[in-house]
């Protein structure tokens, strides 16, 4: 039995040491069938394992593809070195923004109750900086019979918000737009503000 297992294992893995082999026609036919079946089976197993490993982090694979295309474009267009560095830095930051957009799509697939809980937990940091939304959040968390409607309002606002990534030292700002710093630092009115900071809420009642 040990010899059979030994012969089968090195045949199915394509090693083939050659110390054991067929000696007559019947054995040769059996070995040919084993080689064909084991070769196909081993190829399928390796393909499945490689596919699982590749798909373990789909975000990382998408990011690497984008970076490869970016490097190819910069090389073809012969962009200067400082611009290449800024572009790579921007795409590194944009990686997080793209992931958060996919998170929003997942939230939109949840039930209304779960959406409320998840959104309240994720956005609690900045909602408290906007007076109107802070009041609505308090009602949504309270025992009021209208609490589900107010929670749904917060969910809709959160899902409608868009993520925008800005490069370092880039000037931006549009009137009547609510800005929330999700990551990084921003210089505004001679002050440095960081993650969770909000401005533009003055136009919200």
N, C-alpha and C. Protein backbone atom coordinates (compact mmCIF):
# COMPACT_ATOMS: atom_id res chain seq x y z
N UNK A 1 0.82 -1.20 0.00
CA UNK A 1 0.00 0.00 0.00
C UNK A 1 0.86 1.27 0.00
N UNK A 2 1.93 1.21 0.77
CA UNK A 2 2.81 2.37 0.82
C UNK A 2 3.41 2.66 -0.55
N UNK A 3 3.78 1.62 -1.26
CA UNK A 3 4.34 1.79 -2.59
C UNK A 3 3.31 2.37 -3.56
N UNK A 4 2.05 1.93 -3.42
CA UNK A 4 0.99 2.46 -4.27
C UNK A 4 0.77 3.94 -4.01
N UNK A 5 0.71 4.30 -2.73
CA UNK A 5 0.53 5.70 -2.38
C UNK A 5 1.71 6.54 -2.87
N UNK A 6 2.90 5.99 -2.72
CA UNK A 6 4.11 6.68 -3.18
C UNK A 6 4.07 6.91 -4.69
N UNK A 7 3.73 5.87 -5.44
CA UNK A 7 3.66 5.97 -6.90
C UNK A 7 2.57 6.96 -7.33
N UNK A 8 1.40 6.87 -6.69
CA UNK A 8 0.29 7.75 -7.06
C UNK A 8 0.60 9.21 -6.74
N UNK A 9 1.23 9.46 -5.59
CA UNK A 9 1.50 10.84 -5.18
C UNK A 9 2.50 11.52 -6.10
N UNK A 10 3.58 10.82 -6.49
CA UNK A 10 4.53 11.51 -7.36
C UNK A 10 4.06 11.56 -8.81
N UNK A 11 3.07 10.70 -9.15
CA UNK A 11 2.48 10.80 -10.49
C UNK A 11 1.53 11.99 -10.59
N UNK A 12 0.67 12.16 -9.57
CA UNK A 12 -0.33 13.23 -9.61
C UNK A 12 0.31 14.60 -9.47
N UNK A 13 1.48 14.66 -8.83
CA UNK A 13 2.18 15.94 -8.70
C UNK A 13 3.22 16.17 -9.79
N UNK A 14 3.27 15.28 -10.76
CA UNK A 14 4.16 15.41 -11.94
C UNK A 14 5.64 15.36 -11.59
N UNK A 15 6.00 14.74 -10.48
CA UNK A 15 7.41 14.64 -10.12
C UNK A 15 8.10 13.53 -10.93
N UNK A 16 7.58 12.33 -10.84
CA UNK A 16 8.10 11.24 -11.63
C UNK A 16 9.54 10.89 -11.37
N UNK A 17 9.86 10.31 -10.22
CA UNK A 17 11.24 9.94 -9.90
C UNK A 17 11.76 8.84 -10.82
N UNK A 18 10.89 7.95 -11.26
CA UNK A 18 11.31 6.90 -12.18
C UNK A 18 11.79 5.64 -11.53
N UNK A 19 11.80 5.57 -10.19
CA UNK A 19 12.26 4.35 -9.53
C UNK A 19 11.21 3.25 -9.57
N UNK A 20 9.94 3.62 -9.83
CA UNK A 20 8.88 2.62 -9.99
C UNK A 20 8.19 2.91 -11.31
N UNK A 21 8.00 1.92 -12.16
CA UNK A 21 7.38 2.13 -13.45
C UNK A 21 6.67 0.89 -13.93
N UNK A 22 5.83 1.04 -14.96
CA UNK A 22 5.09 -0.10 -15.50
C UNK A 22 6.04 -1.06 -16.22
N UNK A 23 5.66 -2.35 -16.20
CA UNK A 23 6.52 -3.37 -16.81
C UNK A 23 5.80 -4.16 -17.89
N UNK A 24 4.48 -3.96 -18.06
CA UNK A 24 3.75 -4.68 -19.12
C UNK A 24 2.72 -3.76 -19.74
N UNK A 25 2.01 -4.25 -20.74
CA UNK A 25 1.07 -3.43 -21.50
C UNK A 25 -0.07 -2.90 -20.62
N UNK A 26 -0.62 -3.76 -19.80
CA UNK A 26 -1.75 -3.36 -18.95
C UNK A 26 -1.34 -2.24 -17.99
N UNK A 27 -0.19 -2.40 -17.38
CA UNK A 27 0.29 -1.38 -16.44
C UNK A 27 0.57 -0.06 -17.16
N UNK A 28 1.10 -0.15 -18.39
CA UNK A 28 1.36 1.08 -19.14
C UNK A 28 0.05 1.80 -19.49
N UNK A 29 -0.96 1.06 -19.86
CA UNK A 29 -2.26 1.68 -20.17
C UNK A 29 -2.85 2.35 -18.92
N UNK A 30 -2.76 1.65 -17.79
CA UNK A 30 -3.26 2.22 -16.53
C UNK A 30 -2.49 3.49 -16.18
N UNK A 31 -1.18 3.48 -16.37
CA UNK A 31 -0.36 4.67 -16.06
C UNK A 31 -0.70 5.83 -16.98
N UNK A 32 -0.96 5.55 -18.26
CA UNK A 32 -1.35 6.63 -19.18
C UNK A 32 -2.64 7.29 -18.72
N UNK A 33 -3.62 6.45 -18.36
CA UNK A 33 -4.89 7.00 -17.86
C UNK A 33 -4.67 7.82 -16.59
N UNK A 34 -3.84 7.31 -15.67
CA UNK A 34 -3.55 8.03 -14.42
C UNK A 34 -2.87 9.36 -14.70
N UNK A 35 -1.93 9.37 -15.64
CA UNK A 35 -1.21 10.62 -15.94
C UNK A 35 -2.15 11.66 -16.50
N UNK A 36 -3.05 11.25 -17.42
CA UNK A 36 -4.00 12.21 -18.00
C UNK A 36 -4.93 12.78 -16.93
N UNK A 37 -5.52 11.87 -16.13
CA UNK A 37 -6.46 12.31 -15.10
C UNK A 37 -5.77 13.16 -14.04
N UNK A 38 -4.60 12.70 -13.58
CA UNK A 38 -3.90 13.43 -12.52
C UNK A 38 -3.40 14.79 -13.01
N UNK A 39 -2.96 14.85 -14.28
CA UNK A 39 -2.49 16.13 -14.82
C UNK A 39 -3.61 17.16 -14.87
N UNK A 40 -4.78 16.74 -15.36
CA UNK A 40 -5.93 17.66 -15.40
C UNK A 40 -6.35 18.06 -14.00
N UNK A 41 -6.44 17.09 -13.09
CA UNK A 41 -6.86 17.39 -11.71
C UNK A 41 -5.90 18.34 -11.03
N UNK A 42 -4.60 18.09 -11.20
CA UNK A 42 -3.59 18.94 -10.57
C UNK A 42 -3.63 20.36 -11.13
N UNK A 43 -3.87 20.50 -12.44
CA UNK A 43 -3.97 21.83 -13.04
C UNK A 43 -5.18 22.58 -12.51
N UNK A 44 -6.30 21.88 -12.34
CA UNK A 44 -7.51 22.52 -11.80
C UNK A 44 -7.28 22.98 -10.37
N UNK A 45 -6.66 22.10 -9.57
CA UNK A 45 -6.40 22.46 -8.16
C UNK A 45 -5.49 23.68 -8.07
N UNK A 46 -4.40 23.68 -8.84
CA UNK A 46 -3.49 24.82 -8.80
C UNK A 46 -4.18 26.10 -9.28
N UNK A 47 -5.01 25.99 -10.31
CA UNK A 47 -5.73 27.16 -10.80
C UNK A 47 -6.68 27.73 -9.76
N UNK A 48 -7.39 26.84 -9.06
CA UNK A 48 -8.31 27.29 -8.01
C UNK A 48 -7.57 27.96 -6.86
N UNK A 49 -6.47 27.37 -6.45
CA UNK A 49 -5.69 27.95 -5.35
C UNK A 49 -5.13 29.32 -5.74
N UNK A 50 -4.59 29.43 -6.95
CA UNK A 50 -4.06 30.72 -7.41
C UNK A 50 -5.16 31.76 -7.51
N UNK A 51 -6.34 31.34 -7.98
CA UNK A 51 -7.46 32.28 -8.07
C UNK A 51 -7.89 32.79 -6.71
N UNK A 52 -7.90 31.91 -5.72
CA UNK A 52 -8.27 32.33 -4.35
C UNK A 52 -7.25 33.31 -3.80
N UNK A 53 -5.97 33.03 -4.01
CA UNK A 53 -4.93 33.91 -3.50
C UNK A 53 -5.00 35.29 -4.16
N UNK A 54 -5.22 35.30 -5.48
CA UNK A 54 -5.28 36.58 -6.20
C UNK A 54 -6.46 37.42 -5.73
N UNK A 55 -7.60 36.77 -5.45
CA UNK A 55 -8.81 37.50 -5.09
C UNK A 55 -8.94 37.77 -3.60
N UNK A 56 -7.91 37.47 -2.82
CA UNK A 56 -7.99 37.74 -1.38
C UNK A 56 -8.13 39.23 -1.12
N UNK A 57 -7.49 40.05 -1.90
CA UNK A 57 -7.56 41.50 -1.72
C UNK A 57 -7.81 42.15 -3.08
N UNK A 58 -9.09 42.23 -3.46
CA UNK A 58 -9.43 42.78 -4.76
C UNK A 58 -9.09 44.26 -4.85
N UNK A 59 -9.20 44.98 -3.72
CA UNK A 59 -8.85 46.40 -3.71
C UNK A 59 -7.38 46.60 -4.09
N UNK A 60 -6.53 45.76 -3.52
CA UNK A 60 -5.10 45.88 -3.80
C UNK A 60 -4.80 45.56 -5.25
N UNK A 61 -5.49 44.58 -5.82
CA UNK A 61 -5.26 44.24 -7.22
C UNK A 61 -5.69 45.38 -8.14
N UNK A 62 -6.84 45.99 -7.84
CA UNK A 62 -7.29 47.14 -8.64
C UNK A 62 -6.32 48.30 -8.53
N UNK A 63 -5.82 48.52 -7.32
CA UNK A 63 -4.88 49.61 -7.10
C UNK A 63 -3.58 49.38 -7.88
N UNK A 64 -3.08 48.16 -7.88
CA UNK A 64 -1.84 47.85 -8.61
C UNK A 64 -2.03 48.03 -10.10
N UNK A 65 -3.20 47.63 -10.60
CA UNK A 65 -3.48 47.81 -12.03
C UNK A 65 -3.49 49.29 -12.39
N UNK A 66 -4.14 50.10 -11.56
CA UNK A 66 -4.17 51.54 -11.83
C UNK A 66 -2.78 52.16 -11.77
N UNK A 67 -1.97 51.71 -10.81
CA UNK A 67 -0.62 52.26 -10.70
C UNK A 67 0.24 51.85 -11.89
N UNK A 68 0.06 50.63 -12.38
CA UNK A 68 0.80 50.20 -13.57
C UNK A 68 0.42 51.05 -14.78
N UNK A 69 -0.87 51.31 -14.94
CA UNK A 69 -1.32 52.14 -16.05
C UNK A 69 -0.81 53.57 -15.90
N UNK A 70 -0.79 54.06 -14.65
CA UNK A 70 -0.29 55.41 -14.42
C UNK A 70 1.20 55.51 -14.77
N UNK A 71 1.99 54.54 -14.33
CA UNK A 71 3.42 54.55 -14.64
C UNK A 71 3.66 54.47 -16.14
N UNK A 72 2.86 53.66 -16.83
CA UNK A 72 2.99 53.57 -18.28
C UNK A 72 2.66 54.88 -18.96
N UNK A 73 1.60 55.55 -18.49
CA UNK A 73 1.21 56.83 -19.07
C UNK A 73 2.29 57.89 -18.85
N UNK A 74 2.82 57.94 -17.63
CA UNK A 74 3.84 58.95 -17.32
C UNK A 74 5.10 58.72 -18.14
N UNK A 75 5.43 57.44 -18.38
CA UNK A 75 6.60 57.14 -19.19
C UNK A 75 6.37 57.51 -20.65
N UNK A 76 5.19 57.20 -21.16
CA UNK A 76 4.89 57.51 -22.57
C UNK A 76 4.85 59.01 -22.81
N UNK A 77 4.30 59.75 -21.85
CA UNK A 77 4.16 61.20 -22.00
C UNK A 77 5.38 61.98 -21.54
N UNK A 78 6.37 61.27 -21.01
CA UNK A 78 7.63 61.87 -20.55
C UNK A 78 7.33 63.05 -19.59
N UNK A 79 6.59 62.74 -18.54
CA UNK A 79 6.25 63.76 -17.55
C UNK A 79 7.45 64.02 -16.64
N UNK A 80 7.59 65.25 -16.13
CA UNK A 80 8.73 65.57 -15.24
C UNK A 80 8.65 64.80 -13.93
N UNK A 81 9.79 64.68 -13.27
CA UNK A 81 9.87 63.87 -12.05
C UNK A 81 8.99 64.35 -10.92
N UNK A 82 8.93 65.70 -10.70
CA UNK A 82 8.12 66.20 -9.59
C UNK A 82 6.64 65.94 -9.83
N UNK A 83 6.20 66.04 -11.08
CA UNK A 83 4.80 65.75 -11.37
C UNK A 83 4.49 64.27 -11.18
N UNK A 84 5.43 63.41 -11.52
CA UNK A 84 5.22 61.97 -11.32
C UNK A 84 5.03 61.66 -9.84
N UNK A 85 5.84 62.32 -9.01
CA UNK A 85 5.73 62.09 -7.57
C UNK A 85 4.37 62.55 -7.05
N UNK A 86 3.91 63.70 -7.52
CA UNK A 86 2.60 64.20 -7.09
C UNK A 86 1.47 63.30 -7.55
N UNK A 87 1.57 62.77 -8.76
CA UNK A 87 0.53 61.88 -9.27
C UNK A 87 0.48 60.58 -8.47
N UNK A 88 1.64 60.03 -8.15
CA UNK A 88 1.66 58.79 -7.36
C UNK A 88 1.07 59.04 -5.97
N UNK A 89 1.41 60.17 -5.37
CA UNK A 89 0.87 60.51 -4.06
C UNK A 89 -0.64 60.67 -4.11
N UNK A 90 -1.14 61.28 -5.19
CA UNK A 90 -2.58 61.46 -5.33
C UNK A 90 -3.30 60.12 -5.44
N UNK A 91 -2.76 59.22 -6.25
CA UNK A 91 -3.42 57.93 -6.41
C UNK A 91 -3.35 57.09 -5.14
N UNK A 92 -2.30 57.26 -4.37
CA UNK A 92 -2.24 56.59 -3.07
C UNK A 92 -3.34 57.07 -2.15
N UNK A 93 -3.60 58.38 -2.15
CA UNK A 93 -4.68 58.93 -1.33
C UNK A 93 -6.04 58.54 -1.89
N UNK A 94 -6.17 58.49 -3.20
CA UNK A 94 -7.43 58.16 -3.83
C UNK A 94 -7.85 56.72 -3.58
N UNK A 95 -6.88 55.88 -3.21
CA UNK A 95 -7.18 54.49 -2.90
C UNK A 95 -8.20 54.38 -1.78
N UNK A 96 -8.04 55.20 -0.75
CA UNK A 96 -8.97 55.18 0.38
C UNK A 96 -10.34 55.69 -0.04
N UNK A 97 -10.38 56.73 -0.86
CA UNK A 97 -11.66 57.29 -1.31
C UNK A 97 -12.45 56.27 -2.13
N UNK A 98 -11.76 55.54 -3.00
CA UNK A 98 -12.44 54.52 -3.80
C UNK A 98 -13.00 53.41 -2.92
N UNK A 99 -12.27 53.05 -1.88
CA UNK A 99 -12.76 52.02 -0.97
C UNK A 99 -14.00 52.49 -0.22
N UNK A 100 -14.02 53.76 0.16
CA UNK A 100 -15.19 54.28 0.87
C UNK A 100 -16.41 54.36 -0.05
N UNK A 101 -16.22 54.59 -1.33
CA UNK A 101 -17.34 54.59 -2.26
C UNK A 101 -17.94 53.18 -2.35
N UNK A 102 -17.10 52.17 -2.33
CA UNK A 102 -17.61 50.79 -2.33
C UNK A 102 -18.33 50.49 -1.02
N UNK A 103 -17.88 51.06 0.07
CA UNK A 103 -18.57 50.89 1.34
C UNK A 103 -19.98 51.46 1.27
N UNK A 104 -20.13 52.62 0.62
CA UNK A 104 -21.45 53.22 0.48
C UNK A 104 -22.39 52.34 -0.32
N UNK A 105 -21.86 51.67 -1.34
CA UNK A 105 -22.70 50.76 -2.12
C UNK A 105 -23.16 49.58 -1.26
N UNK A 106 -22.28 49.11 -0.37
CA UNK A 106 -22.68 48.03 0.53
C UNK A 106 -23.77 48.50 1.49
N UNK A 107 -23.62 49.71 2.00
CA UNK A 107 -24.62 50.25 2.92
C UNK A 107 -25.97 50.38 2.25
N UNK A 108 -25.97 50.78 0.97
CA UNK A 108 -27.24 50.94 0.25
C UNK A 108 -27.96 49.61 0.07
N UNK A 109 -27.25 48.48 0.19
CA UNK A 109 -27.88 47.16 0.05
C UNK A 109 -28.45 46.64 1.36
N UNK A 110 -28.20 47.35 2.47
CA UNK A 110 -28.68 46.90 3.77
C UNK A 110 -30.13 47.29 3.99
N UNK A 111 -30.72 46.70 4.99
CA UNK A 111 -32.08 47.06 5.38
C UNK A 111 -32.07 48.46 5.99
N UNK A 112 -33.22 49.15 5.99
CA UNK A 112 -33.26 50.51 6.55
C UNK A 112 -32.76 50.60 7.99
N UNK A 113 -33.10 49.60 8.80
CA UNK A 113 -32.67 49.63 10.19
C UNK A 113 -31.16 49.52 10.32
N UNK A 114 -30.57 48.58 9.58
CA UNK A 114 -29.11 48.43 9.62
C UNK A 114 -28.40 49.64 9.02
N UNK A 115 -28.97 50.20 7.97
CA UNK A 115 -28.39 51.41 7.39
C UNK A 115 -28.29 52.51 8.43
N UNK A 116 -29.37 52.70 9.19
CA UNK A 116 -29.35 53.74 10.22
C UNK A 116 -28.28 53.52 11.25
N UNK A 117 -28.15 52.28 11.73
CA UNK A 117 -27.15 51.98 12.76
C UNK A 117 -25.73 52.20 12.23
N UNK A 118 -25.47 51.68 11.02
CA UNK A 118 -24.12 51.79 10.47
C UNK A 118 -23.76 53.24 10.18
N UNK A 119 -24.67 53.96 9.54
CA UNK A 119 -24.39 55.36 9.18
C UNK A 119 -24.21 56.22 10.42
N UNK A 120 -25.03 56.01 11.43
CA UNK A 120 -24.88 56.77 12.67
C UNK A 120 -23.51 56.53 13.30
N UNK A 121 -23.07 55.28 13.24
CA UNK A 121 -21.78 54.96 13.85
C UNK A 121 -20.62 55.55 13.05
N UNK A 122 -20.70 55.46 11.71
CA UNK A 122 -19.61 55.93 10.86
C UNK A 122 -19.49 57.45 10.88
N UNK A 123 -20.63 58.14 10.82
CA UNK A 123 -20.63 59.59 10.62
C UNK A 123 -20.85 60.38 11.91
N UNK A 124 -20.80 59.70 13.03
CA UNK A 124 -21.06 60.39 14.30
C UNK A 124 -20.05 61.50 14.56
N UNK A 125 -18.82 61.34 14.06
CA UNK A 125 -17.76 62.30 14.35
C UNK A 125 -18.08 63.68 13.79
N UNK A 126 -18.58 63.74 12.54
CA UNK A 126 -18.79 65.04 11.92
C UNK A 126 -20.22 65.54 12.03
N UNK A 127 -21.19 64.66 12.25
CA UNK A 127 -22.58 65.10 12.35
C UNK A 127 -22.75 66.08 13.51
N UNK A 128 -22.00 65.84 14.58
CA UNK A 128 -22.11 66.73 15.74
C UNK A 128 -21.64 68.14 15.49
N UNK A 129 -20.90 68.38 14.39
CA UNK A 129 -20.42 69.72 14.07
C UNK A 129 -21.42 70.54 13.27
N UNK A 130 -22.50 69.93 12.80
CA UNK A 130 -23.53 70.63 12.04
C UNK A 130 -24.78 70.68 12.91
N UNK A 131 -25.18 71.88 13.30
CA UNK A 131 -26.25 72.03 14.29
C UNK A 131 -27.55 71.35 13.87
N UNK A 132 -27.96 71.55 12.61
CA UNK A 132 -29.22 70.95 12.16
C UNK A 132 -29.15 69.43 12.21
N UNK A 133 -28.08 68.86 11.69
CA UNK A 133 -27.95 67.41 11.69
C UNK A 133 -27.77 66.86 13.11
N UNK A 134 -27.14 67.63 13.98
CA UNK A 134 -26.98 67.20 15.36
C UNK A 134 -28.34 67.07 16.04
N UNK A 135 -29.21 68.04 15.79
CA UNK A 135 -30.55 67.98 16.38
C UNK A 135 -31.36 66.80 15.80
N UNK A 136 -31.22 66.59 14.50
CA UNK A 136 -31.94 65.47 13.88
C UNK A 136 -31.41 64.14 14.42
N UNK A 137 -30.11 64.07 14.64
CA UNK A 137 -29.52 62.84 15.18
C UNK A 137 -30.04 62.54 16.58
N UNK A 138 -30.17 63.57 17.39
CA UNK A 138 -30.70 63.37 18.75
C UNK A 138 -32.13 62.83 18.71
N UNK A 139 -32.94 63.36 17.79
CA UNK A 139 -34.31 62.87 17.66
C UNK A 139 -34.31 61.44 17.16
N UNK A 140 -33.41 61.14 16.19
CA UNK A 140 -33.36 59.79 15.63
C UNK A 140 -32.96 58.76 16.66
N UNK A 141 -32.15 59.15 17.64
CA UNK A 141 -31.71 58.22 18.68
C UNK A 141 -32.68 58.16 19.85
N UNK A 142 -33.66 59.04 19.86
CA UNK A 142 -34.59 59.11 20.97
C UNK A 142 -35.77 58.16 20.82
N UNK A 143 -36.71 58.23 21.79
CA UNK A 143 -37.87 57.33 21.76
C UNK A 143 -39.03 57.85 20.92
N UNK A 144 -38.84 58.95 20.22
CA UNK A 144 -39.92 59.54 19.45
C UNK A 144 -40.42 58.57 18.38
N UNK A 145 -41.73 58.67 18.07
CA UNK A 145 -42.30 57.81 17.04
C UNK A 145 -41.80 58.20 15.65
N UNK A 146 -41.27 59.43 15.53
CA UNK A 146 -40.72 59.88 14.25
C UNK A 146 -39.23 59.58 14.11
N UNK A 147 -38.67 58.87 15.09
CA UNK A 147 -37.23 58.59 15.07
C UNK A 147 -36.79 57.85 13.80
N UNK A 148 -37.53 56.82 13.33
CA UNK A 148 -37.10 56.14 12.09
C UNK A 148 -37.03 57.06 10.88
N UNK A 149 -37.97 58.01 10.79
CA UNK A 149 -37.96 58.93 9.66
C UNK A 149 -36.75 59.85 9.72
N UNK A 150 -36.40 60.33 10.92
CA UNK A 150 -35.23 61.19 11.06
C UNK A 150 -33.94 60.41 10.79
N UNK A 151 -33.90 59.15 11.24
CA UNK A 151 -32.73 58.31 10.97
C UNK A 151 -32.59 58.08 9.46
N UNK A 152 -33.70 57.86 8.79
CA UNK A 152 -33.66 57.67 7.33
C UNK A 152 -33.15 58.93 6.64
N UNK A 153 -33.49 60.10 7.19
CA UNK A 153 -33.01 61.37 6.62
C UNK A 153 -31.48 61.46 6.72
N UNK A 154 -30.94 61.09 7.87
CA UNK A 154 -29.49 61.10 8.05
C UNK A 154 -28.83 60.12 7.08
N UNK A 155 -29.44 58.93 6.93
CA UNK A 155 -28.90 57.93 6.01
C UNK A 155 -28.86 58.46 4.59
N UNK A 156 -29.94 59.09 4.14
CA UNK A 156 -30.01 59.61 2.78
C UNK A 156 -28.94 60.68 2.54
N UNK A 157 -28.76 61.55 3.52
CA UNK A 157 -27.74 62.60 3.37
C UNK A 157 -26.35 61.97 3.26
N UNK A 158 -26.08 60.99 4.11
CA UNK A 158 -24.76 60.36 4.11
C UNK A 158 -24.49 59.64 2.80
N UNK A 159 -25.50 58.96 2.25
CA UNK A 159 -25.30 58.23 1.00
C UNK A 159 -25.19 59.16 -0.20
N UNK A 160 -25.77 60.35 -0.10
CA UNK A 160 -25.72 61.29 -1.22
C UNK A 160 -24.41 62.09 -1.25
N UNK A 161 -23.68 62.05 -0.17
CA UNK A 161 -22.43 62.79 -0.13
C UNK A 161 -21.39 62.13 -1.02
N UNK A 162 -20.58 62.92 -1.65
CA UNK A 162 -19.55 62.42 -2.57
C UNK A 162 -18.16 62.66 -1.99
N UNK A 163 -17.26 61.73 -2.28
CA UNK A 163 -15.88 61.85 -1.82
C UNK A 163 -15.03 62.47 -2.92
N UNK A 164 -14.25 63.47 -2.56
CA UNK A 164 -13.35 64.13 -3.51
C UNK A 164 -11.95 64.14 -2.90
N UNK A 165 -10.98 63.73 -3.68
CA UNK A 165 -9.60 63.70 -3.22
C UNK A 165 -8.86 64.86 -3.87
N UNK A 166 -8.13 65.63 -3.07
CA UNK A 166 -7.35 66.75 -3.56
C UNK A 166 -5.87 66.46 -3.34
N UNK A 167 -5.07 66.90 -4.28
CA UNK A 167 -3.63 66.73 -4.17
C UNK A 167 -3.06 67.70 -3.14
N UNK A 168 -1.85 67.44 -2.70
CA UNK A 168 -1.19 68.34 -1.76
C UNK A 168 -0.99 69.72 -2.38
N UNK A 169 -1.21 70.74 -1.55
CA UNK A 169 -1.05 72.15 -1.94
C UNK A 169 -2.04 72.58 -3.02
N UNK A 170 -3.11 71.83 -3.19
CA UNK A 170 -4.13 72.19 -4.17
C UNK A 170 -5.17 73.11 -3.54
N UNK A 171 -5.54 74.16 -4.25
CA UNK A 171 -6.55 75.11 -3.79
C UNK A 171 -7.93 74.59 -4.19
N UNK A 172 -8.88 74.65 -3.26
CA UNK A 172 -10.24 74.22 -3.57
C UNK A 172 -11.19 74.95 -2.63
N UNK A 173 -12.46 74.87 -2.97
CA UNK A 173 -13.49 75.51 -2.15
C UNK A 173 -14.55 76.15 -3.01
N UNK A 174 -15.79 75.75 -2.79
CA UNK A 174 -16.94 76.29 -3.52
C UNK A 174 -17.96 76.79 -2.51
N UNK A 175 -18.53 77.98 -2.70
CA UNK A 175 -19.54 78.48 -1.75
C UNK A 175 -20.75 77.55 -1.68
N UNK A 176 -21.40 77.55 -0.53
CA UNK A 176 -22.62 76.79 -0.28
C UNK A 176 -22.40 75.29 -0.46
N UNK A 177 -21.23 74.83 -0.06
CA UNK A 177 -20.93 73.40 -0.08
C UNK A 177 -20.41 73.01 1.30
N UNK A 178 -20.95 71.93 1.84
CA UNK A 178 -20.50 71.44 3.14
C UNK A 178 -19.30 70.53 2.95
N UNK A 179 -18.18 70.89 3.58
CA UNK A 179 -16.94 70.11 3.46
C UNK A 179 -16.66 69.39 4.78
N UNK A 180 -16.25 68.14 4.66
CA UNK A 180 -15.88 67.33 5.82
C UNK A 180 -14.52 66.71 5.53
N UNK A 181 -13.57 66.92 6.40
CA UNK A 181 -12.23 66.37 6.22
C UNK A 181 -12.26 64.92 6.69
N UNK A 182 -12.14 64.02 5.74
CA UNK A 182 -12.16 62.60 6.07
C UNK A 182 -10.77 62.08 6.42
N UNK A 183 -9.77 62.66 5.78
CA UNK A 183 -8.40 62.23 6.05
C UNK A 183 -7.45 63.33 5.60
N UNK A 184 -6.42 63.58 6.40
CA UNK A 184 -5.41 64.57 6.03
C UNK A 184 -5.58 65.89 6.78
N UNK A 185 -4.90 66.90 6.29
CA UNK A 185 -4.91 68.23 6.90
C UNK A 185 -5.28 69.27 5.84
N UNK A 186 -5.97 70.32 6.30
CA UNK A 186 -6.39 71.40 5.41
C UNK A 186 -6.05 72.73 6.09
N UNK A 187 -5.52 73.65 5.31
CA UNK A 187 -5.26 75.00 5.81
C UNK A 187 -6.43 75.90 5.41
N UNK A 188 -7.08 76.48 6.42
CA UNK A 188 -8.24 77.34 6.15
C UNK A 188 -8.24 78.50 7.13
N UNK A 189 -8.32 79.70 6.58
CA UNK A 189 -8.33 80.92 7.39
C UNK A 189 -7.16 80.94 8.38
N UNK A 190 -5.99 80.64 7.86
CA UNK A 190 -4.75 80.66 8.63
C UNK A 190 -4.76 79.69 9.81
N UNK A 191 -5.54 78.64 9.68
CA UNK A 191 -5.59 77.59 10.70
C UNK A 191 -5.44 76.23 10.02
N UNK A 192 -4.86 75.28 10.74
CA UNK A 192 -4.72 73.91 10.26
C UNK A 192 -5.81 73.07 10.90
N UNK A 193 -6.65 72.45 10.08
CA UNK A 193 -7.72 71.60 10.59
C UNK A 193 -7.50 70.19 10.08
N UNK A 194 -7.96 69.22 10.87
CA UNK A 194 -7.67 67.83 10.55
C UNK A 194 -8.90 66.98 10.38
N UNK A 195 -8.73 65.68 10.52
CA UNK A 195 -9.79 64.71 10.29
C UNK A 195 -11.00 64.97 11.19
N UNK A 196 -12.18 64.95 10.59
CA UNK A 196 -13.42 65.18 11.32
C UNK A 196 -13.86 66.63 11.34
N UNK A 197 -13.02 67.54 10.86
CA UNK A 197 -13.39 68.96 10.85
C UNK A 197 -14.41 69.22 9.74
N UNK A 198 -15.23 70.24 9.98
CA UNK A 198 -16.31 70.59 9.05
C UNK A 198 -16.32 72.09 8.85
N UNK A 199 -16.54 72.50 7.61
CA UNK A 199 -16.81 73.90 7.34
C UNK A 199 -17.79 74.01 6.18
N UNK A 200 -18.41 75.17 6.07
CA UNK A 200 -19.46 75.37 5.08
C UNK A 200 -20.84 75.09 5.64
N UNK A 201 -20.92 74.81 6.97
CA UNK A 201 -22.21 74.53 7.57
C UNK A 201 -23.01 75.79 7.85
N UNK A 202 -22.41 76.97 7.58
CA UNK A 202 -23.10 78.22 7.90
C UNK A 202 -24.32 78.43 6.99
N UNK A 203 -24.37 77.81 5.81
CA UNK A 203 -25.53 77.98 4.95
C UNK A 203 -26.64 77.00 5.30
N UNK A 204 -26.35 76.02 6.19
CA UNK A 204 -27.37 75.07 6.65
C UNK A 204 -28.13 75.72 7.79
N UNK A 205 -29.46 75.74 7.77
CA UNK A 205 -30.23 76.38 8.84
C UNK A 205 -29.89 75.82 10.21
